């Protein structure tokens, strides 16, 4: 995630997979690692001592939710 090569909308937009870098979950903000901390769709209730664990949890939760969303025009 530190390199910027991830499965979030900002990177997927950069490599022309998505039309927009906007958050695919809530529709607000640019979906990158920093935005995960404030996205209203993700569960922020987990209280991790290490912020890296929190970011990793939010990242994988976001990826899981994005994978569950139906896509149009694919296939």
PDB file of N, CA and C in Angstrom:
ATOM      1  N   UNK A   1       0.813  -1.180   0.000  1.00  0.00           N
ATOM      2  CA  UNK A   1       0.000   0.000   0.000  1.00  0.00           C
ATOM      3  C   UNK A   1       0.864   1.255   0.000  1.00  0.00           C
ATOM      4  N   UNK A   2       2.038   1.154   0.527  1.00  0.00           N
ATOM      5  CA  UNK A   2       2.908   2.333   0.569  1.00  0.00           C
ATOM      6  C   UNK A   2       3.401   2.739  -0.816  1.00  0.00           C
ATOM      7  N   UNK A   3       3.472   1.794  -1.730  1.00  0.00           N
ATOM      8  CA  UNK A   3       3.962   2.106  -3.075  1.00  0.00           C
ATOM      9  C   UNK A   3       2.892   2.738  -3.948  1.00  0.00           C
ATOM     10  N   UNK A   4       1.630   2.639  -3.529  1.00  0.00           N
ATOM     11  CA  UNK A   4       0.536   3.153  -4.344  1.00  0.00           C
ATOM     12  C   UNK A   4       0.024   2.131  -5.346  1.00  0.00           C
ATOM     13  N   UNK A   5       0.639   0.955  -5.370  1.00  0.00           N
ATOM     14  CA  UNK A   5       0.192  -0.113  -6.269  1.00  0.00           C
ATOM     15  C   UNK A   5      -0.714  -1.045  -5.473  1.00  0.00           C
ATOM     16  N   UNK A   6      -1.997  -0.764  -5.526  1.00  0.00           N
ATOM     17  CA  UNK A   6      -2.969  -1.515  -4.750  1.00  0.00           C
ATOM     18  C   UNK A   6      -4.229  -1.695  -5.583  1.00  0.00           C
ATOM     19  N   UNK A   7      -5.287  -2.152  -4.974  1.00  0.00           N
ATOM     20  CA  UNK A   7      -6.544  -2.382  -5.687  1.00  0.00           C
ATOM     21  C   UNK A   7      -7.590  -1.331  -5.346  1.00  0.00           C
ATOM     22  N   UNK A   8      -7.155  -0.148  -4.928  1.00  0.00           N
ATOM     23  CA  UNK A   8      -8.087   0.934  -4.639  1.00  0.00           C
ATOM     24  C   UNK A   8      -8.342   1.736  -5.907  1.00  0.00           C
ATOM     25  N   UNK A   9      -9.417   2.502  -5.904  1.00  0.00           N
ATOM     26  CA  UNK A   9      -9.877   3.185  -7.122  1.00  0.00           C
ATOM     27  C   UNK A   9      -8.843   4.131  -7.724  1.00  0.00           C
ATOM     28  N   UNK A  10      -8.029   4.783  -6.901  1.00  0.00           N
ATOM     29  CA  UNK A  10      -7.025   5.701  -7.445  1.00  0.00           C
ATOM     30  C   UNK A  10      -6.054   4.964  -8.359  1.00  0.00           C
ATOM     31  N   UNK A  11      -5.552   3.832  -7.906  1.00  0.00           N
ATOM     32  CA  UNK A  11      -4.629   3.037  -8.720  1.00  0.00           C
ATOM     33  C   UNK A  11      -5.341   2.430  -9.919  1.00  0.00           C
ATOM     34  N   UNK A  12      -6.543   1.919  -9.729  1.00  0.00           N
ATOM     35  CA  UNK A  12      -7.275   1.318 -10.845  1.00  0.00           C
ATOM     36  C   UNK A  12      -7.620   2.359 -11.906  1.00  0.00           C
ATOM     37  N   UNK A  13      -7.858   3.584 -11.495  1.00  0.00           N
ATOM     38  CA  UNK A  13      -8.084   4.677 -12.446  1.00  0.00           C
ATOM     39  C   UNK A  13      -6.784   5.009 -13.187  1.00  0.00           C
ATOM     40  N   UNK A  14      -5.672   5.004 -12.469  1.00  0.00           N
ATOM     41  CA  UNK A  14      -4.363   5.320 -13.055  1.00  0.00           C
ATOM     42  C   UNK A  14      -4.001   4.345 -14.175  1.00  0.00           C
ATOM     43  N   UNK A  15      -4.409   3.078 -14.031  1.00  0.00           N
ATOM     44  CA  UNK A  15      -4.074   2.080 -15.058  1.00  0.00           C
ATOM     45  C   UNK A  15      -5.259   1.811 -15.990  1.00  0.00           C
ATOM     46  N   UNK A  16      -6.220   2.738 -16.014  1.00  0.00           N
ATOM     47  CA  UNK A  16      -7.369   2.710 -16.932  1.00  0.00           C
ATOM     48  C   UNK A  16      -8.314   1.523 -16.747  1.00  0.00           C
ATOM     49  N   UNK A  17      -8.459   1.060 -15.515  1.00  0.00           N
ATOM     50  CA  UNK A  17      -9.445   0.027 -15.225  1.00  0.00           C
ATOM     51  C   UNK A  17     -10.771   0.674 -14.836  1.00  0.00           C
ATOM     52  N   UNK A  18     -10.697   1.773 -14.098  1.00  0.00           N
ATOM     53  CA  UNK A  18     -11.892   2.514 -13.695  1.00  0.00           C
ATOM     54  C   UNK A  18     -11.905   3.887 -14.356  1.00  0.00           C
ATOM     55  N   UNK A  19     -13.095   4.410 -14.562  1.00  0.00           N
ATOM     56  CA  UNK A  19     -13.245   5.735 -15.167  1.00  0.00           C
ATOM     57  C   UNK A  19     -12.878   6.833 -14.179  1.00  0.00           C
ATOM     58  N   UNK A  20     -13.178   6.621 -12.901  1.00  0.00           N
ATOM     59  CA  UNK A  20     -12.996   7.655 -11.888  1.00  0.00           C
ATOM     60  C   UNK A  20     -12.173   7.132 -10.712  1.00  0.00           C
ATOM     61  N   UNK A  21     -11.362   7.996 -10.067  1.00  0.00           N
ATOM     62  CA  UNK A  21     -10.641   7.592  -8.865  1.00  0.00           C
ATOM     63  C   UNK A  21     -11.484   7.727  -7.601  1.00  0.00           C
ATOM     64  N   UNK A  22     -12.761   8.083  -7.769  1.00  0.00           N
ATOM     65  CA  UNK A  22     -13.649   8.279  -6.619  1.00  0.00           C
ATOM     66  C   UNK A  22     -13.917   6.992  -5.868  1.00  0.00           C
ATOM     67  N   UNK A  23     -14.285   7.148  -4.607  1.00  0.00           N
ATOM     68  CA  UNK A  23     -14.564   5.994  -3.750  1.00  0.00           C
ATOM     69  C   UNK A  23     -15.693   5.166  -4.336  1.00  0.00           C
ATOM     70  N   UNK A  24     -15.444   3.895  -4.532  1.00  0.00           N
ATOM     71  CA  UNK A  24     -16.421   2.968  -5.092  1.00  0.00           C
ATOM     72  C   UNK A  24     -17.418   2.493  -4.043  1.00  0.00           C
ATOM     73  N   UNK A  25     -17.176   2.825  -2.786  1.00  0.00           N
ATOM     74  CA  UNK A  25     -18.035   2.358  -1.707  1.00  0.00           C
ATOM     75  C   UNK A  25     -19.054   3.405  -1.279  1.00  0.00           C
ATOM     76  N   UNK A  26     -18.594   4.631  -1.031  1.00  0.00           N
ATOM     77  CA  UNK A  26     -19.509   5.661  -0.532  1.00  0.00           C
ATOM     78  C   UNK A  26     -19.808   6.739  -1.568  1.00  0.00           C
ATOM     79  N   UNK A  27     -18.967   6.838  -2.609  1.00  0.00           N
ATOM     80  CA  UNK A  27     -19.197   7.830  -3.655  1.00  0.00           C
ATOM     81  C   UNK A  27     -18.595   9.191  -3.380  1.00  0.00           C
ATOM     82  N   UNK A  28     -17.932   9.352  -2.253  1.00  0.00           N
ATOM     83  CA  UNK A  28     -17.315  10.632  -1.905  1.00  0.00           C
ATOM     84  C   UNK A  28     -15.812  10.459  -1.762  1.00  0.00           C
ATOM     85  N   UNK A  29     -15.050  11.453  -2.137  1.00  0.00           N
ATOM     86  CA  UNK A  29     -13.606  11.428  -1.947  1.00  0.00           C
ATOM     87  C   UNK A  29     -12.880  10.573  -2.960  1.00  0.00           C
ATOM     88  N   UNK A  30     -11.579  10.757  -3.009  1.00  0.00           N
ATOM     89  CA  UNK A  30     -10.701   9.976  -3.872  1.00  0.00           C
ATOM     90  C   UNK A  30     -10.255   8.747  -3.091  1.00  0.00           C
ATOM     91  N   UNK A  31     -10.544   7.576  -3.614  1.00  0.00           N
ATOM     92  CA  UNK A  31     -10.286   6.343  -2.875  1.00  0.00           C
ATOM     93  C   UNK A  31      -8.817   5.952  -2.943  1.00  0.00           C
ATOM     94  N   UNK A  32      -8.091   6.327  -1.887  1.00  0.00           N
ATOM     95  CA  UNK A  32      -6.700   5.930  -1.722  1.00  0.00           C
ATOM     96  C   UNK A  32      -6.514   5.485  -0.270  1.00  0.00           C
ATOM     97  N   UNK A  33      -5.303   5.125   0.102  1.00  0.00           N
ATOM     98  CA  UNK A  33      -5.053   4.614   1.448  1.00  0.00           C
ATOM     99  C   UNK A  33      -5.443   5.621   2.518  1.00  0.00           C
ATOM    100  N   UNK A  34      -5.145   6.893   2.301  1.00  0.00           N
ATOM    101  CA  UNK A  34      -5.506   7.919   3.284  1.00  0.00           C
ATOM    102  C   UNK A  34      -7.014   8.033   3.442  1.00  0.00           C
ATOM    103  N   UNK A  35      -7.750   7.915   2.346  1.00  0.00           N
ATOM    104  CA  UNK A  35      -9.199   8.066   2.403  1.00  0.00           C
ATOM    105  C   UNK A  35      -9.875   6.930   3.170  1.00  0.00           C
ATOM    106  N   UNK A  36      -9.254   5.763   3.211  1.00  0.00           N
ATOM    107  CA  UNK A  36      -9.846   4.630   3.923  1.00  0.00           C
ATOM    108  C   UNK A  36     -10.139   4.969   5.380  1.00  0.00           C
ATOM    109  N   UNK A  37      -9.333   5.845   5.968  1.00  0.00           N
ATOM    110  CA  UNK A  37      -9.501   6.217   7.376  1.00  0.00           C
ATOM    111  C   UNK A  37     -10.785   6.995   7.629  1.00  0.00           C
ATOM    112  N   UNK A  38     -11.374   7.573   6.567  1.00  0.00           N
ATOM    113  CA  UNK A  38     -12.569   8.399   6.751  1.00  0.00           C
ATOM    114  C   UNK A  38     -13.789   7.901   5.983  1.00  0.00           C
ATOM    115  N   UNK A  39     -13.653   6.896   5.160  1.00  0.00           N
ATOM    116  CA  UNK A  39     -14.782   6.391   4.367  1.00  0.00           C
ATOM    117  C   UNK A  39     -15.898   5.917   5.300  1.00  0.00           C
ATOM    118  N   UNK A  40     -17.087   6.453   5.093  1.00  0.00           N
ATOM    119  CA  UNK A  40     -18.212   6.146   5.983  1.00  0.00           C
ATOM    120  C   UNK A  40     -18.750   4.725   5.809  1.00  0.00           C
ATOM    121  N   UNK A  41     -18.430   4.068   4.717  1.00  0.00           N
ATOM    122  CA  UNK A  41     -18.933   2.715   4.471  1.00  0.00           C
ATOM    123  C   UNK A  41     -18.168   1.660   5.263  1.00  0.00           C
ATOM    124  N   UNK A  42     -16.911   1.931   5.567  1.00  0.00           N
ATOM    125  CA  UNK A  42     -16.073   0.947   6.251  1.00  0.00           C
ATOM    126  C   UNK A  42     -16.295   0.970   7.762  1.00  0.00           C
ATOM    127  N   UNK A  43     -16.077  -0.177   8.392  1.00  0.00           N
ATOM    128  CA  UNK A  43     -16.250  -0.323   9.841  1.00  0.00           C
ATOM    129  C   UNK A  43     -14.999   0.190  10.551  1.00  0.00           C
ATOM    130  N   UNK A  44     -15.137   1.292  11.257  1.00  0.00           N
ATOM    131  CA  UNK A  44     -14.014   1.901  11.973  1.00  0.00           C
ATOM    132  C   UNK A  44     -14.027   1.554  13.459  1.00  0.00           C
ATOM    133  N   UNK A  45     -14.839   0.583  13.866  1.00  0.00           N
ATOM    134  CA  UNK A  45     -15.000   0.276  15.289  1.00  0.00           C
ATOM    135  C   UNK A  45     -13.831  -0.504  15.883  1.00  0.00           C
ATOM    136  N   UNK A  46     -13.054  -1.177  15.059  1.00  0.00           N
ATOM    137  CA  UNK A  46     -11.917  -1.942  15.579  1.00  0.00           C
ATOM    138  C   UNK A  46     -10.873  -0.973  16.122  1.00  0.00           C
ATOM    139  N   UNK A  47     -10.387  -1.248  17.329  1.00  0.00           N
ATOM    140  CA  UNK A  47      -9.413  -0.371  17.966  1.00  0.00           C
ATOM    141  C   UNK A  47      -8.050  -1.066  17.984  1.00  0.00           C
ATOM    142  N   UNK A  48      -7.274  -0.855  16.945  1.00  0.00           N
ATOM    143  CA  UNK A  48      -5.954  -1.471  16.844  1.00  0.00           C
ATOM    144  C   UNK A  48      -4.911  -0.597  17.520  1.00  0.00           C
ATOM    145  N   UNK A  49      -3.984  -1.224  18.230  1.00  0.00           N
ATOM    146  CA  UNK A  49      -2.886  -0.488  18.855  1.00  0.00           C
ATOM    147  C   UNK A  49      -1.937   0.065  17.796  1.00  0.00           C
ATOM    148  N   UNK A  50      -1.732  -0.692  16.738  1.00  0.00           N
ATOM    149  CA  UNK A  50      -0.823  -0.307  15.658  1.00  0.00           C
ATOM    150  C   UNK A  50      -1.647   0.222  14.487  1.00  0.00           C
ATOM    151  N   UNK A  51      -1.362   1.437  14.060  1.00  0.00           N
ATOM    152  CA  UNK A  51      -2.146   2.037  12.973  1.00  0.00           C
ATOM    153  C   UNK A  51      -1.968   1.287  11.654  1.00  0.00           C
ATOM    154  N   UNK A  52      -0.835   0.590  11.478  1.00  0.00           N
ATOM    155  CA  UNK A  52      -0.642  -0.188  10.254  1.00  0.00           C
ATOM    156  C   UNK A  52      -1.652  -1.332  10.167  1.00  0.00           C
ATOM    157  N   UNK A  53      -1.970  -1.950  11.300  1.00  0.00           N
ATOM    158  CA  UNK A  53      -2.979  -3.006  11.313  1.00  0.00           C
ATOM    159  C   UNK A  53      -4.345  -2.435  10.974  1.00  0.00           C
ATOM    160  N   UNK A  54      -4.644  -1.242  11.473  1.00  0.00           N
ATOM    161  CA  UNK A  54      -5.938  -0.615  11.188  1.00  0.00           C
ATOM    162  C   UNK A  54      -6.066  -0.328   9.698  1.00  0.00           C
ATOM    163  N   UNK A  55      -5.022   0.242   9.095  1.00  0.00           N
ATOM    164  CA  UNK A  55      -5.060   0.543   7.661  1.00  0.00           C
ATOM    165  C   UNK A  55      -5.191  -0.743   6.857  1.00  0.00           C
ATOM    166  N   UNK A  56      -4.469  -1.785   7.252  1.00  0.00           N
ATOM    167  CA  UNK A  56      -4.563  -3.069   6.546  1.00  0.00           C
ATOM    168  C   UNK A  56      -5.976  -3.641   6.659  1.00  0.00           C
ATOM    169  N   UNK A  57      -6.570  -3.557   7.838  1.00  0.00           N
ATOM    170  CA  UNK A  57      -7.940  -4.038   8.025  1.00  0.00           C
ATOM    171  C   UNK A  57      -8.908  -3.253   7.144  1.00  0.00           C
ATOM    172  N   UNK A  58      -8.791  -1.931   7.122  1.00  0.00           N
ATOM    173  CA  UNK A  58      -9.673  -1.104   6.302  1.00  0.00           C
ATOM    174  C   UNK A  58      -9.467  -1.395   4.817  1.00  0.00           C
ATOM    175  N   UNK A  59      -8.203  -1.582   4.410  1.00  0.00           N
ATOM    176  CA  UNK A  59      -7.892  -1.871   3.010  1.00  0.00           C
ATOM    177  C   UNK A  59      -8.576  -3.161   2.560  1.00  0.00           C
ATOM    178  N   UNK A  60      -8.382  -4.238   3.325  1.00  0.00           N
ATOM    179  CA  UNK A  60      -8.948  -5.524   2.917  1.00  0.00           C
ATOM    180  C   UNK A  60     -10.468  -5.529   3.038  1.00  0.00           C
ATOM    181  N   UNK A  61     -11.014  -4.801   3.992  1.00  0.00           N
ATOM    182  CA  UNK A  61     -12.474  -4.669   4.082  1.00  0.00           C
ATOM    183  C   UNK A  61     -13.015  -3.957   2.848  1.00  0.00           C
ATOM    184  N   UNK A  62     -12.327  -2.886   2.446  1.00  0.00           N
ATOM    185  CA  UNK A  62     -12.734  -2.149   1.249  1.00  0.00           C
ATOM    186  C   UNK A  62     -12.635  -2.992  -0.004  1.00  0.00           C
ATOM    187  N   UNK A  63     -11.553  -3.747  -0.146  1.00  0.00           N
ATOM    188  CA  UNK A  63     -11.396  -4.628  -1.314  1.00  0.00           C
ATOM    189  C   UNK A  63     -12.497  -5.680  -1.348  1.00  0.00           C
ATOM    190  N   UNK A  64     -12.818  -6.233  -0.196  1.00  0.00           N
ATOM    191  CA  UNK A  64     -13.879  -7.243  -0.118  1.00  0.00           C
ATOM    192  C   UNK A  64     -15.221  -6.648  -0.546  1.00  0.00           C
ATOM    193  N   UNK A  65     -15.543  -5.462  -0.052  1.00  0.00           N
ATOM    194  CA  UNK A  65     -16.807  -4.819  -0.419  1.00  0.00           C
ATOM    195  C   UNK A  65     -16.846  -4.450  -1.901  1.00  0.00           C
ATOM    196  N   UNK A  66     -15.719  -3.991  -2.444  1.00  0.00           N
ATOM    197  CA  UNK A  66     -15.665  -3.658  -3.872  1.00  0.00           C
ATOM    198  C   UNK A  66     -15.880  -4.904  -4.722  1.00  0.00           C
ATOM    199  N   UNK A  67     -15.329  -6.036  -4.294  1.00  0.00           N
ATOM    200  CA  UNK A  67     -15.470  -7.281  -5.054  1.00  0.00           C
ATOM    201  C   UNK A  67     -16.914  -7.777  -5.060  1.00  0.00           C
ATOM    202  N   UNK A  68     -17.670  -7.438  -4.034  1.00  0.00           N
ATOM    203  CA  UNK A  68     -19.062  -7.872  -3.953  1.00  0.00           C
ATOM    204  C   UNK A  68     -19.997  -7.016  -4.793  1.00  0.00           C
ATOM    205  N   UNK A  69     -19.558  -5.814  -5.168  1.00  0.00           N
ATOM    206  CA  UNK A  69     -20.420  -4.919  -5.939  1.00  0.00           C
ATOM    207  C   UNK A  69     -20.548  -5.421  -7.372  1.00  0.00           C
ATOM    208  N   UNK A  70     -21.758  -5.426  -7.918  1.00  0.00           N
ATOM    209  CA  UNK A  70     -21.925  -5.829  -9.322  1.00  0.00           C
ATOM    210  C   UNK A  70     -21.303  -4.800 -10.258  1.00  0.00           C
ATOM    211  N   UNK A  71     -20.728  -5.264 -11.339  1.00  0.00           N
ATOM    212  CA  UNK A  71     -20.108  -4.385 -12.334  1.00  0.00           C
ATOM    213  C   UNK A  71     -20.932  -4.415 -13.603  1.00  0.00           C
ATOM    214  N   UNK A  72     -21.051  -3.273 -14.233  1.00  0.00           N
ATOM    215  CA  UNK A  72     -21.779  -3.190 -15.495  1.00  0.00           C
ATOM    216  C   UNK A  72     -20.786  -3.044 -16.636  1.00  0.00           C
ATOM    217  N   UNK A  73     -21.082  -3.648 -17.767  1.00  0.00           N
ATOM    218  CA  UNK A  73     -20.239  -3.502 -18.946  1.00  0.00           C
ATOM    219  C   UNK A  73     -18.975  -4.329 -18.916  1.00  0.00           C
ATOM    220  N   UNK A  74     -18.908  -5.312 -18.049  1.00  0.00           N
ATOM    221  CA  UNK A  74     -17.731  -6.165 -17.955  1.00  0.00           C
ATOM    222  C   UNK A  74     -18.117  -7.550 -18.450  1.00  0.00           C
ATOM    223  N   UNK A  75     -17.275  -8.103 -19.325  1.00  0.00           N
ATOM    224  CA  UNK A  75     -17.509  -9.475 -19.762  1.00  0.00           C
ATOM    225  C   UNK A  75     -18.171  -9.643 -21.058  1.00  0.00           C
TER     226      UNK A  75
END
